[in-house]
């Protein structure tokens, strides 16, 4: 958080992941002031390979758009 605060006051701090797979990071993130946002990961097993897909990028884009429209005082993402 101290590194990010060089760019200004931190208003929102969120971390996006499938927290079922990365739960070891939950406590340190929350202790640092981050809100964990759960995003489901999908696994597709096809022809001996496994495809992993999630919608983290889409979730971040949607929430960044909503924040930019609803909080005019936030200028940096």
Protein backbone atom coordinates (compact mmCIF):
# COMPACT_ATOMS: atom_id res chain seq x y z
CA UNK A 1 0.00 0.00 0.00
CA UNK A 2 2.86 2.38 0.70
CA UNK A 3 4.13 1.94 -2.87
CA UNK A 4 0.68 2.75 -4.31
CA UNK A 5 0.22 5.75 -2.01
CA UNK A 6 3.06 7.51 -3.88
CA UNK A 7 0.47 8.24 -6.58
CA UNK A 8 -2.08 9.82 -4.25
CA UNK A 9 -4.61 8.94 -1.59
CA UNK A 10 -5.91 5.37 -1.91
CA UNK A 11 -9.70 5.34 -2.02
CA UNK A 12 -10.38 1.79 -3.24
CA UNK A 13 -8.05 -1.22 -3.04
CA UNK A 14 -9.38 -4.43 -4.55
CA UNK A 15 -7.77 -7.72 -5.49
CA UNK A 16 -9.50 -9.97 -8.04
CA UNK A 17 -9.02 -13.75 -8.11
CA UNK A 18 -10.58 -17.14 -7.53
CA UNK A 19 -9.94 -17.03 -3.79
CA UNK A 20 -10.72 -20.74 -3.42
CA UNK A 21 -7.49 -21.43 -5.30
CA UNK A 22 -5.46 -18.62 -3.70
CA UNK A 23 -6.83 -18.45 -0.15
CA UNK A 24 -3.34 -18.25 1.40
CA UNK A 25 -3.23 -14.61 0.21
CA UNK A 26 -6.58 -13.54 1.70
CA UNK A 27 -5.43 -12.66 5.21
CA UNK A 28 -2.35 -10.63 4.14
CA UNK A 29 -4.38 -8.78 1.51
CA UNK A 30 -7.13 -7.89 3.94
CA UNK A 31 -4.57 -6.86 6.57
CA UNK A 32 -3.09 -4.49 3.99
CA UNK A 33 -6.48 -2.91 3.31
CA UNK A 34 -7.45 -4.69 0.09
CA UNK A 35 -10.99 -5.95 -0.53
CA UNK A 36 -10.86 -9.40 -2.14
CA UNK A 37 -13.25 -9.74 -5.08
CA UNK A 38 -14.09 -13.33 -5.96
CA UNK A 39 -14.06 -14.20 -9.67
CA UNK A 40 -14.85 -17.77 -10.70
CA UNK A 41 -12.27 -19.76 -12.67
CA UNK A 42 -13.48 -22.27 -15.24
CA UNK A 43 -11.50 -25.32 -16.30
CA UNK A 44 -12.15 -26.96 -19.66
CA UNK A 45 -10.47 -30.34 -20.17
CA UNK A 46 -10.24 -31.04 -23.89
CA UNK A 47 -7.99 -33.44 -25.83
CA UNK A 48 -5.61 -33.94 -22.91
CA UNK A 49 -5.08 -30.26 -22.28
CA UNK A 50 -6.66 -27.99 -19.73
CA UNK A 51 -7.88 -24.52 -20.59
CA UNK A 52 -8.25 -22.11 -17.70
CA UNK A 53 -10.55 -19.13 -18.13
CA UNK A 54 -11.80 -16.43 -15.81
CA UNK A 55 -13.37 -13.04 -16.23
CA UNK A 56 -11.04 -10.96 -14.04
CA UNK A 57 -10.25 -8.52 -16.84
CA UNK A 58 -13.93 -7.99 -17.60
CA UNK A 59 -14.79 -7.57 -13.90
CA UNK A 60 -12.06 -4.95 -13.49
CA UNK A 61 -13.23 -3.08 -16.62
CA UNK A 62 -16.85 -3.03 -15.46
CA UNK A 63 -16.00 -1.86 -11.96
CA UNK A 64 -13.49 0.76 -13.19
CA UNK A 65 -16.17 2.15 -15.51
CA UNK A 66 -18.72 2.25 -12.68
CA UNK A 67 -16.24 3.94 -10.33
CA UNK A 68 -15.27 6.53 -12.94
CA UNK A 69 -18.94 7.39 -13.50
CA UNK A 70 -19.97 7.43 -9.84
CA UNK A 71 -16.89 8.95 -8.17
CA UNK A 72 -15.70 11.99 -10.13
CA UNK A 73 -13.05 12.68 -7.47
CA UNK A 74 -11.10 9.50 -8.41
CA UNK A 75 -8.69 10.37 -11.20
CA UNK A 76 -6.11 7.54 -11.11
CA UNK A 77 -6.72 3.82 -11.51
